[in-house]
PDB file of N, CA and C in Angstrom:
ATOM      1  N   MET A   1       6.122  -9.408   3.074  1.00  0.00           N
ATOM      2  CA  MET A   1       6.964  -9.497   1.913  1.00  0.00           C
ATOM      3  C   MET A   1       6.836  -8.183   1.145  1.00  0.00           C
ATOM      4  N   PHE A   2       7.960  -7.543   0.879  1.00  0.00           N
ATOM      5  CA  PHE A   2       7.949  -6.308   0.099  1.00  0.00           C
ATOM      6  C   PHE A   2       7.871  -6.626  -1.388  1.00  0.00           C
ATOM      7  N   TYR A   3       7.188  -5.770  -2.115  1.00  0.00           N
ATOM      8  CA  TYR A   3       7.053  -5.922  -3.562  1.00  0.00           C
ATOM      9  C   TYR A   3       8.225  -5.252  -4.271  1.00  0.00           C
ATOM     10  N   GLY A   4       8.443  -5.675  -5.518  1.00  0.00           N
ATOM     11  CA  GLY A   4       9.476  -5.083  -6.353  1.00  0.00           C
ATOM     12  C   GLY A   4       8.872  -4.506  -7.616  1.00  0.00           C
ATOM     13  N   PHE A   5       9.720  -4.081  -8.520  1.00  0.00           N
ATOM     14  CA  PHE A   5       9.290  -3.531  -9.803  1.00  0.00           C
ATOM     15  C   PHE A   5       9.775  -4.439 -10.927  1.00  0.00           C
ATOM     16  N   GLY A   6       8.858  -4.832 -11.812  1.00  0.00           N
ATOM     17  CA  GLY A   6       9.220  -5.649 -12.959  1.00  0.00           C
ATOM     18  C   GLY A   6       9.615  -7.074 -12.616  1.00  0.00           C
ATOM     19  N   VAL A   7       9.121  -7.596 -11.506  1.00  0.00           N
ATOM     20  CA  VAL A   7       9.453  -8.971 -11.129  1.00  0.00           C
ATOM     21  C   VAL A   7       8.572  -9.956 -11.888  1.00  0.00           C
ATOM     22  N   ASP A   8       9.059 -11.169 -12.083  1.00  0.00           N
ATOM     23  CA  ASP A   8       8.327 -12.179 -12.851  1.00  0.00           C
ATOM     24  C   ASP A   8       7.026 -12.608 -12.178  1.00  0.00           C
ATOM     25  N   ASP A   9       7.045 -12.767 -10.872  1.00  0.00           N
ATOM     26  CA  ASP A   9       5.843 -13.179 -10.140  1.00  0.00           C
ATOM     27  C   ASP A   9       4.987 -11.942  -9.879  1.00  0.00           C
ATOM     28  N   LYS A  10       3.884 -11.823 -10.579  1.00  0.00           N
ATOM     29  CA  LYS A  10       3.035 -10.631 -10.509  1.00  0.00           C
ATOM     30  C   LYS A  10       2.427 -10.411  -9.128  1.00  0.00           C
ATOM     31  N   ASP A  11       2.413 -11.448  -8.275  1.00  0.00           N
ATOM     32  CA  ASP A  11       1.918 -11.281  -6.909  1.00  0.00           C
ATOM     33  C   ASP A  11       2.890 -10.487  -6.040  1.00  0.00           C
ATOM     34  N   PHE A  12       4.072 -10.215  -6.572  1.00  0.00           N
ATOM     35  CA  PHE A  12       5.080  -9.466  -5.831  1.00  0.00           C
ATOM     36  C   PHE A  12       5.573  -8.252  -6.607  1.00  0.00           C
ATOM     37  N   ASP A  13       4.748  -7.763  -7.536  1.00  0.00           N
ATOM     38  CA  ASP A  13       5.100  -6.626  -8.385  1.00  0.00           C
ATOM     39  C   ASP A  13       4.242  -5.416  -7.999  1.00  0.00           C
ATOM     40  N   VAL A  14       4.867  -4.277  -7.737  1.00  0.00           N
ATOM     41  CA  VAL A  14       4.152  -3.074  -7.308  1.00  0.00           C
ATOM     42  C   VAL A  14       3.066  -2.688  -8.302  1.00  0.00           C
ATOM     43  N   LYS A  15       3.393  -2.653  -9.575  1.00  0.00           N
ATOM     44  CA  LYS A  15       2.409  -2.232 -10.581  1.00  0.00           C
ATOM     45  C   LYS A  15       1.222  -3.203 -10.637  1.00  0.00           C
ATOM     46  N   SER A  16       1.487  -4.491 -10.640  1.00  0.00           N
ATOM     47  CA  SER A  16       0.413  -5.489 -10.683  1.00  0.00           C
ATOM     48  C   SER A  16      -0.476  -5.416  -9.450  1.00  0.00           C
ATOM     49  N   MET A  17       0.121  -5.220  -8.294  1.00  0.00           N
ATOM     50  CA  MET A  17      -0.661  -5.143  -7.063  1.00  0.00           C
ATOM     51  C   MET A  17      -1.458  -3.841  -6.993  1.00  0.00           C
ATOM     52  N   THR A  18      -0.929  -2.771  -7.559  1.00  0.00           N
ATOM     53  CA  THR A  18      -1.678  -1.512  -7.623  1.00  0.00           C
ATOM     54  C   THR A  18      -2.936  -1.701  -8.456  1.00  0.00           C
ATOM     55  N   VAL A  19      -2.807  -2.389  -9.584  1.00  0.00           N
ATOM     56  CA  VAL A  19      -3.970  -2.673 -10.437  1.00  0.00           C
ATOM     57  C   VAL A  19      -4.948  -3.596  -9.706  1.00  0.00           C
ATOM     58  N   ALA A  20      -4.437  -4.611  -9.028  1.00  0.00           N
ATOM     59  CA  ALA A  20      -5.295  -5.574  -8.331  1.00  0.00           C
ATOM     60  C   ALA A  20      -6.135  -4.917  -7.230  1.00  0.00           C
ATOM     61  N   TYR A  21      -5.593  -3.899  -6.585  1.00  0.00           N
ATOM     62  CA  TYR A  21      -6.286  -3.255  -5.468  1.00  0.00           C
ATOM     63  C   TYR A  21      -6.872  -1.887  -5.824  1.00  0.00           C
ATOM     64  N   GLU A  22      -6.864  -1.498  -7.097  1.00  0.00           N
ATOM     65  CA  GLU A  22      -7.285  -0.146  -7.457  1.00  0.00           C
ATOM     66  C   GLU A  22      -8.730   0.173  -7.083  1.00  0.00           C
ATOM     67  N   GLU A  23      -9.599  -0.824  -7.028  1.00  0.00           N
ATOM     68  CA  GLU A  23     -10.997  -0.581  -6.651  1.00  0.00           C
ATOM     69  C   GLU A  23     -11.143  -0.317  -5.150  1.00  0.00           C
ATOM     70  N   GLN A  24     -10.241  -0.846  -4.344  1.00  0.00           N
ATOM     71  CA  GLN A  24     -10.318  -0.726  -2.888  1.00  0.00           C
ATOM     72  C   GLN A  24      -9.449   0.377  -2.321  1.00  0.00           C
ATOM     73  N   MET A  25      -8.479   0.843  -3.097  1.00  0.00           N
ATOM     74  CA  MET A  25      -7.431   1.698  -2.588  1.00  0.00           C
ATOM     75  C   MET A  25      -7.602   3.139  -3.061  1.00  0.00           C
ATOM     76  N   PRO A  26      -7.444   4.112  -2.172  1.00  0.00           N
ATOM     77  CA  PRO A  26      -7.447   5.503  -2.627  1.00  0.00           C
ATOM     78  C   PRO A  26      -6.325   5.716  -3.645  1.00  0.00           C
ATOM     79  N   ASP A  27      -6.481   6.683  -4.535  1.00  0.00           N
ATOM     80  CA  ASP A  27      -5.477   6.891  -5.587  1.00  0.00           C
ATOM     81  C   ASP A  27      -4.205   7.572  -5.095  1.00  0.00           C
ATOM     82  N   TRP A  28      -4.149   7.917  -3.831  1.00  0.00           N
ATOM     83  CA  TRP A  28      -2.975   8.604  -3.292  1.00  0.00           C
ATOM     84  C   TRP A  28      -2.004   7.660  -2.576  1.00  0.00           C
ATOM     85  N   ILE A  29      -2.237   6.352  -2.661  1.00  0.00           N
ATOM     86  CA  ILE A  29      -1.299   5.369  -2.111  1.00  0.00           C
ATOM     87  C   ILE A  29      -1.053   4.248  -3.120  1.00  0.00           C
ATOM     88  N   ILE A  30       0.095   3.587  -2.967  1.00  0.00           N
ATOM     89  CA  ILE A  30       0.402   2.383  -3.743  1.00  0.00           C
ATOM     90  C   ILE A  30       0.839   1.295  -2.765  1.00  0.00           C
ATOM     91  N   PRO A  31       0.517   0.035  -3.055  1.00  0.00           N
ATOM     92  CA  PRO A  31       0.944  -1.047  -2.161  1.00  0.00           C
ATOM     93  C   PRO A  31       2.436  -1.324  -2.330  1.00  0.00           C
ATOM     94  N   ILE A  32       3.127  -1.489  -1.204  1.00  0.00           N
ATOM     95  CA  ILE A  32       4.563  -1.787  -1.266  1.00  0.00           C
ATOM     96  C   ILE A  32       4.908  -3.113  -0.598  1.00  0.00           C
ATOM     97  N   ALA A  33       3.958  -3.669   0.174  1.00  0.00           N
ATOM     98  CA  ALA A  33       4.230  -4.932   0.870  1.00  0.00           C
ATOM     99  C   ALA A  33       2.920  -5.596   1.285  1.00  0.00           C
ATOM    100  N   ASP A  34       2.975  -6.913   1.399  1.00  0.00           N
ATOM    101  CA  ASP A  34       1.844  -7.688   1.895  1.00  0.00           C
ATOM    102  C   ASP A  34       1.895  -7.685   3.419  1.00  0.00           C
ATOM    103  N   ALA A  35       0.753  -7.431   4.043  1.00  0.00           N
ATOM    104  CA  ALA A  35       0.689  -7.418   5.508  1.00  0.00           C
ATOM    105  C   ALA A  35      -0.008  -8.664   6.029  1.00  0.00           C
ATOM    106  N   ASP A  36      -0.058  -9.707   5.236  1.00  0.00           N
ATOM    107  CA  ASP A  36      -0.650 -10.998   5.578  1.00  0.00           C
ATOM    108  C   ASP A  36      -2.163 -10.959   5.412  1.00  0.00           C
ATOM    109  N   GLY A  37      -2.685 -11.999   4.856  1.00  0.00           N
ATOM    110  CA  GLY A  37      -4.121 -12.132   4.694  1.00  0.00           C
ATOM    111  C   GLY A  37      -4.746 -11.207   3.672  1.00  0.00           C
ATOM    112  N   GLY A  38      -3.948 -10.595   2.815  1.00  0.00           N
ATOM    113  CA  GLY A  38      -4.482  -9.698   1.796  1.00  0.00           C
ATOM    114  C   GLY A  38      -4.436  -8.229   2.166  1.00  0.00           C
ATOM    115  N   ASP A  39      -4.153  -7.918   3.434  1.00  0.00           N
ATOM    116  CA  ASP A  39      -3.990  -6.520   3.817  1.00  0.00           C
ATOM    117  C   ASP A  39      -2.686  -6.012   3.214  1.00  0.00           C
ATOM    118  N   GLN A  40      -2.578  -4.700   3.058  1.00  0.00           N
ATOM    119  CA  GLN A  40      -1.440  -4.132   2.363  1.00  0.00           C
ATOM    120  C   GLN A  40      -0.767  -3.035   3.179  1.00  0.00           C
ATOM    121  N   ILE A  41       0.551  -2.963   3.061  1.00  0.00           N
ATOM    122  CA  ILE A  41       1.314  -1.823   3.540  1.00  0.00           C
ATOM    123  C   ILE A  41       1.499  -0.938   2.312  1.00  0.00           C
ATOM    124  N   CYS A  42       1.150   0.335   2.442  1.00  0.00           N
ATOM    125  CA  CYS A  42       1.137   1.230   1.286  1.00  0.00           C
ATOM    126  C   CYS A  42       1.979   2.473   1.540  1.00  0.00           C
ATOM    127  N   LEU A  43       2.413   3.088   0.452  1.00  0.00           N
ATOM    128  CA  LEU A  43       3.197   4.314   0.508  1.00  0.00           C
ATOM    129  C   LEU A  43       2.392   5.435  -0.119  1.00  0.00           C
ATOM    130  N   GLY A  44       2.313   6.559   0.588  1.00  0.00           N
ATOM    131  CA  GLY A  44       1.628   7.725   0.051  1.00  0.00           C
ATOM    132  C   GLY A  44       2.421   8.321  -1.100  1.00  0.00           C
ATOM    133  N   VAL A  45       1.725   8.661  -2.187  1.00  0.00           N
ATOM    134  CA  VAL A  45       2.411   9.164  -3.379  1.00  0.00           C
ATOM    135  C   VAL A  45       1.853  10.492  -3.886  1.00  0.00           C
ATOM    136  N   LYS A  46       0.894  11.073  -3.184  1.00  0.00           N
ATOM    137  CA  LYS A  46       0.313  12.340  -3.637  1.00  0.00           C
ATOM    138  C   LYS A  46       0.153  13.311  -2.476  1.00  0.00           C
ATOM    139  N   GLU A  47       0.427  14.568  -2.775  1.00  0.00           N
ATOM    140  CA  GLU A  47       0.201  15.701  -1.880  1.00  0.00           C
ATOM    141  C   GLU A  47       0.653  15.429  -0.452  1.00  0.00           C
ATOM    142  N   GLU A  48      -0.199  15.691   0.538  1.00  0.00           N
ATOM    143  CA  GLU A  48       0.227  15.590   1.939  1.00  0.00           C
ATOM    144  C   GLU A  48       0.523  14.159   2.385  1.00  0.00           C
ATOM    145  N   ALA A  49       0.106  13.169   1.626  1.00  0.00           N
ATOM    146  CA  ALA A  49       0.373  11.768   1.972  1.00  0.00           C
ATOM    147  C   ALA A  49       1.748  11.301   1.494  1.00  0.00           C
ATOM    148  N   THR A  50       2.392  12.061   0.629  1.00  0.00           N
ATOM    149  CA  THR A  50       3.655  11.639   0.025  1.00  0.00           C
ATOM    150  C   THR A  50       4.680  11.235   1.082  1.00  0.00           C
ATOM    151  N   GLY A  51       5.200  10.023   0.924  1.00  0.00           N
ATOM    152  CA  GLY A  51       6.241   9.509   1.798  1.00  0.00           C
ATOM    153  C   GLY A  51       5.751   8.847   3.070  1.00  0.00           C
ATOM    154  N   LYS A  52       4.484   9.012   3.397  1.00  0.00           N
ATOM    155  CA  LYS A  52       3.935   8.395   4.602  1.00  0.00           C
ATOM    156  C   LYS A  52       3.561   6.941   4.318  1.00  0.00           C
ATOM    157  N   VAL A  53       3.567   6.125   5.362  1.00  0.00           N
ATOM    158  CA  VAL A  53       3.266   4.700   5.226  1.00  0.00           C
ATOM    159  C   VAL A  53       1.900   4.422   5.861  1.00  0.00           C
ATOM    160  N   TYR A  54       1.082   3.656   5.129  1.00  0.00           N
ATOM    161  CA  TYR A  54      -0.286   3.367   5.549  1.00  0.00           C
ATOM    162  C   TYR A  54      -0.551   1.863   5.554  1.00  0.00           C
ATOM    163  N   PHE A  55      -1.524   1.456   6.363  1.00  0.00           N
ATOM    164  CA  PHE A  55      -2.033   0.091   6.388  1.00  0.00           C
ATOM    165  C   PHE A  55      -3.397   0.109   5.718  1.00  0.00           C
ATOM    166  N   LEU A  56      -3.608  -0.783   4.750  1.00  0.00           N
ATOM    167  CA  LEU A  56      -4.892  -0.905   4.060  1.00  0.00           C
ATOM    168  C   LEU A  56      -5.547  -2.217   4.466  1.00  0.00           C
ATOM    169  N   ASP A  57      -6.683  -2.127   5.133  1.00  0.00           N
ATOM    170  CA  ASP A  57      -7.456  -3.305   5.519  1.00  0.00           C
ATOM    171  C   ASP A  57      -8.316  -3.692   4.324  1.00  0.00           C
ATOM    172  N   HIS A  58      -7.984  -4.784   3.664  1.00  0.00           N
ATOM    173  CA  HIS A  58      -8.659  -5.152   2.416  1.00  0.00           C
ATOM    174  C   HIS A  58     -10.091  -5.637   2.620  1.00  0.00           C
ATOM    175  N   GLU A  59     -10.467  -5.961   3.849  1.00  0.00           N
ATOM    176  CA  GLU A  59     -11.826  -6.447   4.091  1.00  0.00           C
ATOM    177  C   GLU A  59     -12.832  -5.319   4.273  1.00  0.00           C
ATOM    178  N   MET A  60     -12.347  -4.131   4.520  1.00  0.00           N
ATOM    179  CA  MET A  60     -13.232  -2.976   4.600  1.00  0.00           C
ATOM    180  C   MET A  60     -13.343  -2.405   3.190  1.00  0.00           C
ATOM    181  N   THR A  61     -14.420  -1.741   2.882  1.00  0.00           N
ATOM    182  CA  THR A  61     -14.620  -1.277   1.503  1.00  0.00           C
ATOM    183  C   THR A  61     -15.000   0.191   1.422  1.00  0.00           C
ATOM    184  N   ASP A  62     -14.534   0.982   2.367  1.00  0.00           N
ATOM    185  CA  ASP A  62     -14.928   2.379   2.400  1.00  0.00           C
ATOM    186  C   ASP A  62     -13.792   3.321   2.017  1.00  0.00           C
ATOM    187  N   GLY A  63     -12.852   2.859   1.188  1.00  0.00           N
ATOM    188  CA  GLY A  63     -11.784   3.727   0.701  1.00  0.00           C
ATOM    189  C   GLY A  63     -10.932   4.287   1.809  1.00  0.00           C
ATOM    190  N   VAL A  64     -11.090   5.575   2.093  1.00  0.00           N
ATOM    191  CA  VAL A  64     -10.245   6.264   3.057  1.00  0.00           C
ATOM    192  C   VAL A  64     -10.399   5.693   4.466  1.00  0.00           C
ATOM    193  N   LYS A  65     -11.592   5.274   4.864  1.00  0.00           N
ATOM    194  CA  LYS A  65     -11.810   4.778   6.224  1.00  0.00           C
ATOM    195  C   LYS A  65     -11.121   3.449   6.501  1.00  0.00           C
ATOM    196  N   ASP A  66     -10.695   2.732   5.465  1.00  0.00           N
ATOM    197  CA  ASP A  66      -9.996   1.466   5.683  1.00  0.00           C
ATOM    198  C   ASP A  66      -8.486   1.621   5.541  1.00  0.00           C
ATOM    199  N   THR A  67      -8.021   2.863   5.517  1.00  0.00           N
ATOM    200  CA  THR A  67      -6.611   3.185   5.359  1.00  0.00           C
ATOM    201  C   THR A  67      -6.132   3.895   6.620  1.00  0.00           C
ATOM    202  N   PHE A  68      -5.110   3.328   7.264  1.00  0.00           N
ATOM    203  CA  PHE A  68      -4.653   3.848   8.548  1.00  0.00           C
ATOM    204  C   PHE A  68      -3.180   4.248   8.473  1.00  0.00           C
ATOM    205  N   LEU A  69      -2.853   5.424   8.987  1.00  0.00           N
ATOM    206  CA  LEU A  69      -1.474   5.895   9.018  1.00  0.00           C
ATOM    207  C   LEU A  69      -0.656   5.022   9.963  1.00  0.00           C
ATOM    208  N   VAL A  70       0.487   4.547   9.471  1.00  0.00           N
ATOM    209  CA  VAL A  70       1.386   3.709  10.264  1.00  0.00           C
ATOM    210  C   VAL A  70       2.618   4.496  10.681  1.00  0.00           C
ATOM    211  N   ALA A  71       3.174   5.288   9.748  1.00  0.00           N
ATOM    212  CA  ALA A  71       4.381   6.064  10.030  1.00  0.00           C
ATOM    213  C   ALA A  71       4.414   7.295   9.132  1.00  0.00           C
ATOM    214  N   ASN A  72       5.030   8.356   9.630  1.00  0.00           N
ATOM    215  CA  ASN A  72       5.114   9.599   8.864  1.00  0.00           C
ATOM    216  C   ASN A  72       6.165   9.573   7.770  1.00  0.00           C
ATOM    217  N   SER A  73       7.008   8.541   7.768  1.00  0.00           N
ATOM    218  CA  SER A  73       8.008   8.389   6.709  1.00  0.00           C
ATOM    219  C   SER A  73       8.388   6.914   6.601  1.00  0.00           C
ATOM    220  N   PHE A  74       8.978   6.554   5.469  1.00  0.00           N
ATOM    221  CA  PHE A  74       9.434   5.179   5.293  1.00  0.00           C
ATOM    222  C   PHE A  74      10.544   4.865   6.293  1.00  0.00           C
ATOM    223  N   SER A  75      11.411   5.842   6.552  1.00  0.00           N
ATOM    224  CA  SER A  75      12.486   5.646   7.535  1.00  0.00           C
ATOM    225  C   SER A  75      11.921   5.329   8.913  1.00  0.00           C
ATOM    226  N   ASP A  76      10.900   6.083   9.336  1.00  0.00           N
ATOM    227  CA  ASP A  76      10.269   5.811  10.630  1.00  0.00           C
ATOM    228  C   ASP A  76       9.637   4.423  10.651  1.00  0.00           C
ATOM    229  N   PHE A  77       9.059   4.022   9.547  1.00  0.00           N
ATOM    230  CA  PHE A  77       8.434   2.707   9.440  1.00  0.00           C
ATOM    231  C   PHE A  77       9.457   1.591   9.630  1.00  0.00           C
ATOM    232  N   MET A  78      10.651   1.777   9.106  1.00  0.00           N
ATOM    233  CA  MET A  78      11.680   0.740   9.149  1.00  0.00           C
ATOM    234  C   MET A  78      12.367   0.628  10.509  1.00  0.00           C
ATOM    235  N   VAL A  79      12.195   1.617  11.366  1.00  0.00           N
ATOM    236  CA  VAL A  79      12.864   1.601  12.680  1.00  0.00           C
ATOM    237  C   VAL A  79      12.149   0.699  13.644  1.00  0.00           C
TER     238      VAL A  79
END
């Protein structure tokens, strides 16, 4: 399920989910979708990560090591 902006259900709001995962997530990605079971699909928003899509394994707690590149662009991710 993809998240939106300013939606009533905070479990589906990008800003709310960013706050919820801020302790586990590097600051260069934001969550854009639920990948089931609490894992997250994230979008790179800083420097060389910008525009790339990542998978965040929420059960790992090592920041960068629990973040895996999925696609080099959102367009590639959607194909």
